[in-house]
Amino acid sequence: MAERRGQVAAEQMADEGGRPPARPLDAIDRDILRILQQDGRASIRSVSDRVHVSRANAYARINRLIDDGVIRGFSARVDHERAGQGSSAYITLKIVQNSWRTVRKQLTELPGTAHIALVSGDFDVLLLVHSADNRALRELVLTKIQAIPEVLSTRTLLVFEETDLDPAKPSDRAGGPDD
């Protein structure tokens, strides 16, 4: 009986993906995340030296962060214009109530989709896309996004310039006593 209660408690604590909740992060874990956000190719030796732990400890911590789903993957920061995607836009969508999962699946399959968020406010979804040019962007919006039956309306906001924030400086954005 006690074993069953433990199993039920674990199931109740599991998140939507069926994984148990992530363990709390300490200062070393947060430092490791900051280093890997700056340079996803940093070696275990480099990480361990910078956070002052053994290589085995750094390796175990990184694997735990991956297993817990804190680290979802490693990627490159891309200059989209130099990569042939000279046009970027945020697109807001109003969708049919309770259709988020269906719409999200269809949006993830669109070319150039960089970010999708379910939000509150005057619209339901915020979508960031990159395309070769404005003509390709127009085609994406008019023939693909507006063709999704659950999409009620869209608004396109062209991006004129982008700046990626440096993850090495969280204190600049975190808000402190001066904010």
N, C-alpha and C. Protein backbone atom coordinates (compact mmCIF):
# COMPACT_ATOMS: atom_id res chain seq x y z
N MET A 1 0.82 -1.19 0.00
CA MET A 1 0.00 0.00 0.00
C MET A 1 0.87 1.26 0.00
N ALA A 2 1.90 1.29 0.85
CA ALA A 2 2.79 2.46 0.92
C ALA A 2 3.50 2.65 -0.42
N GLU A 3 3.87 1.52 -1.05
CA GLU A 3 4.53 1.60 -2.35
C GLU A 3 3.61 2.23 -3.38
N ARG A 4 2.35 1.85 -3.36
CA ARG A 4 1.38 2.42 -4.30
C ARG A 4 1.19 3.92 -4.06
N ARG A 5 1.13 4.35 -2.78
CA ARG A 5 1.00 5.79 -2.48
C ARG A 5 2.19 6.55 -3.03
N GLY A 6 3.39 5.99 -2.91
CA GLY A 6 4.58 6.64 -3.44
C GLY A 6 4.53 6.77 -4.95
N GLN A 7 4.03 5.71 -5.59
CA GLN A 7 3.90 5.74 -7.05
C GLN A 7 2.88 6.78 -7.49
N VAL A 8 1.74 6.86 -6.79
CA VAL A 8 0.72 7.85 -7.11
C VAL A 8 1.27 9.26 -6.90
N ALA A 9 1.99 9.48 -5.81
CA ALA A 9 2.56 10.81 -5.55
C ALA A 9 3.54 11.19 -6.64
N ALA A 10 4.35 10.25 -7.09
CA ALA A 10 5.32 10.52 -8.16
C ALA A 10 4.58 10.86 -9.46
N GLU A 11 3.50 10.14 -9.74
CA GLU A 11 2.72 10.41 -10.95
C GLU A 11 2.07 11.79 -10.88
N GLN A 12 1.59 12.17 -9.69
CA GLN A 12 0.95 13.47 -9.54
C GLN A 12 1.96 14.60 -9.69
N MET A 13 3.20 14.36 -9.27
CA MET A 13 4.22 15.39 -9.34
C MET A 13 4.83 15.49 -10.73
N ALA A 14 4.61 14.50 -11.56
CA ALA A 14 5.21 14.52 -12.90
C ALA A 14 4.61 15.65 -13.72
N ASP A 15 5.44 16.26 -14.56
CA ASP A 15 4.94 17.33 -15.42
C ASP A 15 4.22 16.75 -16.63
N GLU A 16 3.79 17.62 -17.53
CA GLU A 16 3.01 17.19 -18.70
C GLU A 16 3.77 16.18 -19.55
N GLY A 17 5.10 16.28 -19.58
CA GLY A 17 5.91 15.37 -20.38
C GLY A 17 6.14 14.04 -19.71
N GLY A 18 5.57 13.83 -18.52
CA GLY A 18 5.71 12.56 -17.84
C GLY A 18 6.99 12.45 -17.03
N ARG A 19 7.75 13.53 -16.94
CA ARG A 19 9.00 13.49 -16.17
C ARG A 19 8.74 14.06 -14.78
N PRO A 20 9.50 13.60 -13.79
CA PRO A 20 9.38 14.23 -12.47
C PRO A 20 9.89 15.66 -12.55
N PRO A 21 9.46 16.51 -11.61
CA PRO A 21 9.91 17.90 -11.66
C PRO A 21 11.43 18.00 -11.50
N ALA A 22 12.01 19.03 -12.10
CA ALA A 22 13.45 19.23 -12.00
C ALA A 22 13.83 19.55 -10.56
N ARG A 23 14.99 19.11 -10.19
CA ARG A 23 15.50 19.43 -8.86
C ARG A 23 15.90 20.90 -8.81
N PRO A 24 15.91 21.50 -7.62
CA PRO A 24 16.31 22.91 -7.52
C PRO A 24 17.76 23.10 -7.99
N LEU A 25 18.03 24.25 -8.62
CA LEU A 25 19.37 24.56 -9.10
C LEU A 25 20.13 25.33 -8.03
N ASP A 26 21.40 24.99 -7.87
CA ASP A 26 22.25 25.77 -6.97
C ASP A 26 23.09 26.74 -7.80
N ALA A 27 23.95 27.49 -7.14
CA ALA A 27 24.75 28.51 -7.83
C ALA A 27 25.66 27.90 -8.89
N ILE A 28 26.19 26.72 -8.63
CA ILE A 28 27.07 26.07 -9.61
C ILE A 28 26.27 25.66 -10.84
N ASP A 29 25.08 25.10 -10.64
CA ASP A 29 24.23 24.75 -11.79
C ASP A 29 23.92 25.99 -12.63
N ARG A 30 23.58 27.09 -11.97
CA ARG A 30 23.26 28.32 -12.70
C ARG A 30 24.49 28.84 -13.46
N ASP A 31 25.68 28.72 -12.85
CA ASP A 31 26.90 29.12 -13.55
C ASP A 31 27.16 28.24 -14.76
N ILE A 32 26.92 26.95 -14.62
CA ILE A 32 27.10 26.02 -15.75
C ILE A 32 26.14 26.40 -16.88
N LEU A 33 24.89 26.69 -16.54
CA LEU A 33 23.92 27.09 -17.57
C LEU A 33 24.36 28.36 -18.27
N ARG A 34 24.85 29.34 -17.52
CA ARG A 34 25.30 30.60 -18.11
C ARG A 34 26.45 30.35 -19.08
N ILE A 35 27.41 29.51 -18.68
CA ILE A 35 28.56 29.19 -19.53
C ILE A 35 28.10 28.51 -20.81
N LEU A 36 27.21 27.53 -20.69
CA LEU A 36 26.74 26.80 -21.87
C LEU A 36 25.85 27.65 -22.77
N GLN A 37 25.15 28.63 -22.19
CA GLN A 37 24.37 29.54 -23.03
C GLN A 37 25.30 30.43 -23.84
N GLN A 38 26.41 30.82 -23.24
CA GLN A 38 27.40 31.63 -23.96
C GLN A 38 28.08 30.81 -25.04
N ASP A 39 28.44 29.58 -24.70
CA ASP A 39 29.20 28.73 -25.61
C ASP A 39 28.77 27.28 -25.41
N GLY A 40 27.82 26.83 -26.21
CA GLY A 40 27.33 25.46 -26.11
C GLY A 40 28.38 24.42 -26.44
N ARG A 41 29.51 24.87 -27.01
CA ARG A 41 30.58 23.94 -27.35
C ARG A 41 31.68 23.91 -26.29
N ALA A 42 31.47 24.57 -25.17
CA ALA A 42 32.48 24.58 -24.10
C ALA A 42 32.77 23.15 -23.65
N SER A 43 34.03 22.86 -23.47
CA SER A 43 34.43 21.51 -23.03
C SER A 43 34.11 21.32 -21.55
N ILE A 44 33.99 20.06 -21.16
CA ILE A 44 33.77 19.73 -19.75
C ILE A 44 34.91 20.30 -18.92
N ARG A 45 36.13 20.18 -19.40
CA ARG A 45 37.28 20.71 -18.67
C ARG A 45 37.14 22.22 -18.46
N SER A 46 36.76 22.94 -19.51
CA SER A 46 36.59 24.39 -19.42
C SER A 46 35.49 24.74 -18.41
N VAL A 47 34.38 24.05 -18.50
CA VAL A 47 33.26 24.30 -17.58
C VAL A 47 33.70 24.01 -16.15
N SER A 48 34.33 22.87 -15.94
CA SER A 48 34.74 22.51 -14.57
C SER A 48 35.74 23.51 -14.01
N ASP A 49 36.67 23.97 -14.82
CA ASP A 49 37.64 24.97 -14.36
C ASP A 49 36.96 26.28 -13.99
N ARG A 50 36.00 26.69 -14.78
CA ARG A 50 35.35 27.99 -14.55
C ARG A 50 34.39 27.98 -13.36
N VAL A 51 33.83 26.82 -13.03
CA VAL A 51 32.92 26.76 -11.87
C VAL A 51 33.59 26.12 -10.66
N HIS A 52 34.87 25.76 -10.80
CA HIS A 52 35.69 25.25 -9.70
C HIS A 52 35.15 23.95 -9.10
N VAL A 53 34.84 22.98 -10.00
CA VAL A 53 34.48 21.64 -9.56
C VAL A 53 35.29 20.66 -10.41
N SER A 54 35.30 19.39 -10.00
CA SER A 54 36.01 18.38 -10.78
C SER A 54 35.32 18.17 -12.13
N ARG A 55 36.05 17.59 -13.07
CA ARG A 55 35.45 17.28 -14.37
C ARG A 55 34.30 16.30 -14.21
N ALA A 56 34.48 15.31 -13.33
CA ALA A 56 33.42 14.31 -13.10
C ALA A 56 32.16 14.99 -12.56
N ASN A 57 32.33 15.93 -11.64
CA ASN A 57 31.20 16.65 -11.07
C ASN A 57 30.52 17.50 -12.14
N ALA A 58 31.28 18.22 -12.95
CA ALA A 58 30.70 19.04 -14.03
C ALA A 58 29.94 18.15 -15.02
N TYR A 59 30.54 17.03 -15.39
CA TYR A 59 29.91 16.10 -16.32
C TYR A 59 28.59 15.59 -15.75
N ALA A 60 28.60 15.20 -14.47
CA ALA A 60 27.38 14.69 -13.83
C ALA A 60 26.31 15.76 -13.75
N ARG A 61 26.71 16.98 -13.43
CA ARG A 61 25.75 18.08 -13.33
C ARG A 61 25.12 18.39 -14.69
N ILE A 62 25.93 18.44 -15.73
CA ILE A 62 25.40 18.72 -17.07
C ILE A 62 24.44 17.62 -17.49
N ASN A 63 24.80 16.37 -17.24
CA ASN A 63 23.90 15.26 -17.58
C ASN A 63 22.60 15.33 -16.79
N ARG A 64 22.69 15.73 -15.51
CA ARG A 64 21.47 15.86 -14.69
C ARG A 64 20.58 16.97 -15.24
N LEU A 65 21.21 18.09 -15.64
CA LEU A 65 20.45 19.20 -16.21
C LEU A 65 19.77 18.78 -17.52
N ILE A 66 20.43 17.94 -18.29
CA ILE A 66 19.83 17.41 -19.52
C ILE A 66 18.70 16.44 -19.17
N ASP A 67 18.97 15.50 -18.27
CA ASP A 67 17.97 14.50 -17.89
C ASP A 67 16.72 15.14 -17.28
N ASP A 68 16.93 16.21 -16.49
CA ASP A 68 15.80 16.89 -15.85
C ASP A 68 15.04 17.79 -16.83
N GLY A 69 15.57 17.94 -18.04
CA GLY A 69 14.90 18.78 -19.03
C GLY A 69 15.19 20.27 -18.87
N VAL A 70 16.13 20.62 -18.00
CA VAL A 70 16.51 22.02 -17.85
C VAL A 70 17.25 22.47 -19.10
N ILE A 71 18.20 21.65 -19.55
CA ILE A 71 18.87 21.88 -20.82
C ILE A 71 18.11 21.07 -21.85
N ARG A 72 17.49 21.77 -22.81
CA ARG A 72 16.67 21.11 -23.83
C ARG A 72 17.45 20.78 -25.08
N GLY A 73 18.66 21.30 -25.20
CA GLY A 73 19.46 21.03 -26.39
C GLY A 73 20.52 22.10 -26.54
N PHE A 74 21.31 21.97 -27.57
CA PHE A 74 22.38 22.91 -27.85
C PHE A 74 22.19 23.42 -29.27
N SER A 75 22.41 24.71 -29.47
CA SER A 75 22.20 25.26 -30.79
C SER A 75 23.17 26.40 -31.06
N ALA A 76 23.17 26.86 -32.28
CA ALA A 76 24.01 27.98 -32.70
C ALA A 76 23.16 29.23 -32.81
N ARG A 77 23.73 30.37 -32.46
CA ARG A 77 23.06 31.66 -32.72
C ARG A 77 23.39 32.04 -34.16
N VAL A 78 22.35 32.27 -34.94
CA VAL A 78 22.51 32.46 -36.38
C VAL A 78 22.24 33.92 -36.75
N ASP A 79 23.07 34.45 -37.61
CA ASP A 79 22.80 35.74 -38.24
C ASP A 79 21.89 35.42 -39.43
N HIS A 80 20.61 35.63 -39.26
CA HIS A 80 19.63 35.19 -40.26
C HIS A 80 19.81 35.88 -41.60
N GLU A 81 20.19 37.13 -41.59
CA GLU A 81 20.40 37.82 -42.87
C GLU A 81 21.54 37.19 -43.65
N ARG A 82 22.66 36.90 -42.96
CA ARG A 82 23.80 36.28 -43.64
C ARG A 82 23.49 34.84 -44.06
N ALA A 83 22.50 34.24 -43.41
CA ALA A 83 22.11 32.86 -43.74
C ALA A 83 21.02 32.82 -44.82
N GLY A 84 20.76 33.96 -45.45
CA GLY A 84 19.79 33.98 -46.54
C GLY A 84 18.35 34.16 -46.09
N GLN A 85 18.16 34.55 -44.83
CA GLN A 85 16.82 34.80 -44.32
C GLN A 85 16.73 36.28 -43.95
N GLY A 86 16.68 37.14 -44.97
CA GLY A 86 16.76 38.58 -44.77
C GLY A 86 15.51 39.24 -44.24
N SER A 87 14.42 38.52 -44.15
CA SER A 87 13.17 39.10 -43.66
C SER A 87 12.71 38.32 -42.43
N SER A 88 12.44 39.05 -41.36
CA SER A 88 11.93 38.44 -40.13
C SER A 88 10.68 39.18 -39.70
N ALA A 89 9.80 38.47 -39.02
CA ALA A 89 8.56 39.10 -38.55
C ALA A 89 8.03 38.36 -37.33
N TYR A 90 7.38 39.14 -36.48
CA TYR A 90 6.55 38.57 -35.42
C TYR A 90 5.14 38.58 -35.98
N ILE A 91 4.46 37.47 -35.86
CA ILE A 91 3.10 37.37 -36.35
C ILE A 91 2.21 37.03 -35.16
N THR A 92 1.19 37.84 -34.95
CA THR A 92 0.23 37.54 -33.89
C THR A 92 -0.95 36.83 -34.52
N LEU A 93 -1.50 35.86 -33.80
CA LEU A 93 -2.63 35.09 -34.30
C LEU A 93 -3.73 35.05 -33.25
N LYS A 94 -4.95 35.20 -33.71
CA LYS A 94 -6.11 34.88 -32.89
C LYS A 94 -6.57 33.52 -33.39
N ILE A 95 -6.83 32.61 -32.45
CA ILE A 95 -7.20 31.25 -32.83
C ILE A 95 -8.50 30.83 -32.16
N VAL A 96 -9.10 29.79 -32.71
CA VAL A 96 -10.30 29.20 -32.13
C VAL A 96 -9.97 28.70 -30.72
N GLN A 97 -10.87 28.97 -29.79
CA GLN A 97 -10.67 28.55 -28.41
C GLN A 97 -10.41 27.04 -28.35
N ASN A 98 -9.48 26.64 -27.51
CA ASN A 98 -9.10 25.24 -27.28
C ASN A 98 -8.46 24.56 -28.48
N SER A 99 -7.90 25.34 -29.41
CA SER A 99 -7.25 24.73 -30.57
C SER A 99 -5.73 24.86 -30.52
N TRP A 100 -5.18 25.30 -29.38
CA TRP A 100 -3.75 25.56 -29.26
C TRP A 100 -2.89 24.40 -29.71
N ARG A 101 -3.14 23.21 -29.25
CA ARG A 101 -2.28 22.06 -29.58
C ARG A 101 -2.28 21.77 -31.08
N THR A 102 -3.45 21.86 -31.69
CA THR A 102 -3.56 21.64 -33.14
C THR A 102 -2.82 22.71 -33.92
N VAL A 103 -3.02 23.98 -33.53
CA VAL A 103 -2.37 25.09 -34.22
C VAL A 103 -0.86 25.02 -34.02
N ARG A 104 -0.42 24.75 -32.79
CA ARG A 104 1.02 24.67 -32.50
C ARG A 104 1.67 23.62 -33.39
N LYS A 105 1.06 22.47 -33.53
CA LYS A 105 1.63 21.41 -34.37
C LYS A 105 1.80 21.88 -35.81
N GLN A 106 0.79 22.57 -36.34
CA GLN A 106 0.87 23.04 -37.72
C GLN A 106 1.89 24.16 -37.88
N LEU A 107 2.02 25.04 -36.89
CA LEU A 107 2.98 26.13 -36.97
C LEU A 107 4.42 25.62 -36.90
N THR A 108 4.65 24.57 -36.13
CA THR A 108 6.01 24.03 -36.03
C THR A 108 6.49 23.47 -37.35
N GLU A 109 5.57 23.10 -38.22
CA GLU A 109 5.93 22.51 -39.52
C GLU A 109 6.18 23.56 -40.60
N LEU A 110 5.93 24.82 -40.30
CA LEU A 110 6.12 25.88 -41.29
C LEU A 110 7.60 26.20 -41.46
N PRO A 111 8.03 26.51 -42.68
CA PRO A 111 9.43 26.87 -42.89
C PRO A 111 9.74 28.21 -42.23
N GLY A 112 10.89 28.29 -41.58
CA GLY A 112 11.34 29.54 -40.98
C GLY A 112 10.80 29.83 -39.60
N THR A 113 9.99 28.95 -39.05
CA THR A 113 9.46 29.19 -37.71
C THR A 113 10.59 29.11 -36.69
N ALA A 114 10.75 30.18 -35.91
CA ALA A 114 11.83 30.23 -34.93
C ALA A 114 11.33 30.13 -33.50
N HIS A 115 10.13 30.64 -33.24
CA HIS A 115 9.61 30.65 -31.87
C HIS A 115 8.09 30.73 -31.92
N ILE A 116 7.43 29.98 -31.05
CA ILE A 116 5.98 29.99 -30.95
C ILE A 116 5.63 30.11 -29.47
N ALA A 117 4.72 31.03 -29.14
CA ALA A 117 4.31 31.18 -27.74
C ALA A 117 2.80 31.38 -27.66
N LEU A 118 2.17 30.67 -26.72
CA LEU A 118 0.78 30.90 -26.37
C LEU A 118 0.81 32.03 -25.34
N VAL A 119 0.07 33.11 -25.60
CA VAL A 119 0.16 34.30 -24.74
C VAL A 119 -1.24 34.76 -24.34
N SER A 120 -1.28 35.70 -23.41
CA SER A 120 -2.55 36.31 -23.04
C SER A 120 -2.60 37.71 -23.62
N GLY A 121 -3.79 38.26 -23.69
CA GLY A 121 -3.93 39.61 -24.20
C GLY A 121 -4.84 39.69 -25.41
N ASP A 122 -4.53 40.62 -26.31
CA ASP A 122 -5.38 40.88 -27.46
C ASP A 122 -5.29 39.80 -28.54
N PHE A 123 -4.29 38.94 -28.45
CA PHE A 123 -4.15 37.83 -29.39
C PHE A 123 -3.74 36.61 -28.61
N ASP A 124 -3.72 35.46 -29.28
CA ASP A 124 -3.49 34.19 -28.57
C ASP A 124 -2.09 33.62 -28.76
N VAL A 125 -1.52 33.83 -29.96
CA VAL A 125 -0.24 33.21 -30.30
C VAL A 125 0.70 34.28 -30.84
N LEU A 126 1.96 34.18 -30.42
CA LEU A 126 3.01 35.03 -30.97
C LEU A 126 4.00 34.12 -31.66
N LEU A 127 4.25 34.40 -32.93
CA LEU A 127 5.07 33.54 -33.76
C LEU A 127 6.21 34.38 -34.35
N LEU A 128 7.44 33.91 -34.24
CA LEU A 128 8.58 34.56 -34.87
C LEU A 128 9.01 33.71 -36.05
N VAL A 129 9.09 34.34 -37.24
CA VAL A 129 9.50 33.62 -38.44
C VAL A 129 10.62 34.37 -39.15
N HIS A 130 11.43 33.61 -39.87
CA HIS A 130 12.48 34.16 -40.72
C HIS A 130 12.24 33.62 -42.12
N SER A 131 12.36 34.50 -43.13
CA SER A 131 12.18 34.06 -44.51
C SER A 131 13.20 34.76 -45.40
N ALA A 132 13.30 34.28 -46.62
CA ALA A 132 14.30 34.81 -47.55
C ALA A 132 14.08 36.29 -47.83
N ASP A 133 12.82 36.69 -48.01
CA ASP A 133 12.52 38.08 -48.33
C ASP A 133 11.04 38.34 -48.01
N ASN A 134 10.59 39.57 -48.26
CA ASN A 134 9.21 39.91 -47.95
C ASN A 134 8.20 39.15 -48.80
N ARG A 135 8.57 38.82 -50.02
CA ARG A 135 7.67 38.04 -50.88
C ARG A 135 7.43 36.65 -50.26
N ALA A 136 8.51 36.02 -49.81
CA ALA A 136 8.37 34.70 -49.16
C ALA A 136 7.58 34.82 -47.86
N LEU A 137 7.80 35.90 -47.13
CA LEU A 137 7.05 36.14 -45.90
C LEU A 137 5.56 36.30 -46.20
N ARG A 138 5.26 37.07 -47.22
CA ARG A 138 3.87 37.27 -47.64
C ARG A 138 3.21 35.93 -47.97
N GLU A 139 3.90 35.10 -48.74
CA GLU A 139 3.37 33.77 -49.09
C GLU A 139 3.14 32.92 -47.85
N LEU A 140 4.08 32.97 -46.91
CA LEU A 140 3.95 32.20 -45.68
C LEU A 140 2.68 32.61 -44.93
N VAL A 141 2.48 33.91 -44.78
CA VAL A 141 1.32 34.40 -44.04
C VAL A 141 0.02 34.12 -44.79
N LEU A 142 -0.03 34.51 -46.05
CA LEU A 142 -1.29 34.44 -46.79
C LEU A 142 -1.69 33.04 -47.23
N THR A 143 -0.72 32.19 -47.57
CA THR A 143 -1.09 30.88 -48.10
C THR A 143 -0.92 29.73 -47.11
N LYS A 144 -0.11 29.94 -46.09
CA LYS A 144 0.08 28.83 -45.15
C LYS A 144 -0.57 29.11 -43.79
N ILE A 145 -0.25 30.22 -43.16
CA ILE A 145 -0.78 30.49 -41.82
C ILE A 145 -2.29 30.77 -41.89
N GLN A 146 -2.70 31.63 -42.79
CA GLN A 146 -4.13 31.95 -42.87
C GLN A 146 -4.96 30.80 -43.42
N ALA A 147 -4.31 29.78 -43.96
CA ALA A 147 -5.03 28.60 -44.44
C ALA A 147 -5.31 27.60 -43.31
N ILE A 148 -4.72 27.80 -42.16
CA ILE A 148 -5.00 26.92 -41.02
C ILE A 148 -6.41 27.23 -40.53
N PRO A 149 -7.31 26.26 -40.54
CA PRO A 149 -8.72 26.52 -40.24
C PRO A 149 -8.95 27.17 -38.86
N GLU A 150 -8.13 26.85 -37.88
CA GLU A 150 -8.33 27.36 -36.53
C GLU A 150 -7.79 28.78 -36.34
N VAL A 151 -7.09 29.32 -37.33
CA VAL A 151 -6.57 30.69 -37.25
C VAL A 151 -7.67 31.64 -37.70
N LEU A 152 -8.08 32.51 -36.78
CA LEU A 152 -9.16 33.46 -37.06
C LEU A 152 -8.64 34.74 -37.70
N SER A 153 -7.46 35.21 -37.25
CA SER A 153 -6.88 36.42 -37.83
C SER A 153 -5.39 36.47 -37.51
N THR A 154 -4.68 37.27 -38.31
CA THR A 154 -3.24 37.45 -38.09
C THR A 154 -2.90 38.93 -38.20
N ARG A 155 -1.79 39.29 -37.61
CA ARG A 155 -1.21 40.62 -37.77
C ARG A 155 0.29 40.40 -37.86
N THR A 156 0.92 40.99 -38.86
CA THR A 156 2.35 40.80 -39.11
C THR A 156 3.13 42.05 -38.73
N LEU A 157 4.15 41.88 -37.92
CA LEU A 157 5.02 42.97 -37.49
C LEU A 157 6.41 42.70 -38.04
N LEU A 158 6.84 43.48 -39.02
CA LEU A 158 8.17 43.28 -39.61
C LEU A 158 9.26 43.66 -38.61
N VAL A 159 10.32 42.89 -38.61
CA VAL A 159 11.47 43.17 -37.76
C VAL A 159 12.49 43.94 -38.60
N PHE A 160 12.82 45.15 -38.18
CA PHE A 160 13.79 45.95 -38.92
C PHE A 160 15.22 45.67 -38.45
N GLU A 161 15.38 45.35 -37.16
CA GLU A 161 16.70 45.08 -36.61
C GLU A 161 16.53 44.23 -35.36
N GLU A 162 17.49 43.31 -35.16
CA GLU A 162 17.44 42.42 -34.00
C GLU A 162 18.73 42.53 -33.21
N THR A 163 18.64 42.33 -31.92
CA THR A 163 19.83 42.26 -31.07
C THR A 163 19.66 41.09 -30.12
N ASP A 164 20.54 40.10 -30.21
CA ASP A 164 20.53 39.00 -29.26
C ASP A 164 21.17 39.49 -27.97
N LEU A 165 20.52 39.22 -26.85
CA LEU A 165 21.08 39.61 -25.57
C LEU A 165 22.11 38.59 -25.13
N ASP A 166 23.15 39.07 -24.48
CA ASP A 166 24.25 38.23 -24.04
C ASP A 166 23.86 37.52 -22.75
N PRO A 167 23.76 36.18 -22.77
CA PRO A 167 23.38 35.45 -21.55
C PRO A 167 24.43 35.57 -20.45
N ALA A 168 25.60 36.08 -20.78
CA ALA A 168 26.65 36.22 -19.77
C ALA A 168 26.35 37.36 -18.81
N LYS A 169 25.38 38.23 -19.16
CA LYS A 169 25.11 39.39 -18.33
C LYS A 169 23.68 39.38 -17.81
N PRO A 170 23.29 38.34 -17.06
CA PRO A 170 21.91 38.31 -16.59
C PRO A 170 21.59 39.45 -15.64
N SER A 171 22.57 39.96 -14.90
CA SER A 171 22.30 41.03 -13.96
C SER A 171 21.88 42.30 -14.66
N ASP A 172 22.26 42.48 -15.94
CA ASP A 172 21.85 43.66 -16.69
C ASP A 172 20.36 43.64 -16.98
N ARG A 173 19.72 42.45 -17.01
CA ARG A 173 18.32 42.34 -17.38
C ARG A 173 17.45 41.89 -16.23
N ALA A 174 18.05 41.37 -15.18
CA ALA A 174 17.26 40.72 -14.15
C ALA A 174 16.46 41.71 -13.30
N GLY A 175 16.81 42.97 -13.34
CA GLY A 175 16.11 43.93 -12.48
C GLY A 175 16.69 43.89 -11.10
N GLY A 176 17.05 44.98 -10.62
CA GLY A 176 17.65 45.03 -9.30
C GLY A 176 17.17 46.27 -8.56
N PRO A 177 17.95 46.73 -7.61
CA PRO A 177 17.52 47.86 -6.80
C PRO A 177 17.33 49.14 -7.60
N ASP A 178 18.00 49.25 -8.75
CA ASP A 178 17.88 50.46 -9.56
C ASP A 178 16.65 50.46 -10.44
N ASP A 179 15.97 49.32 -10.56
CA ASP A 179 14.80 49.21 -11.46
C ASP A 179 13.53 49.61 -10.76
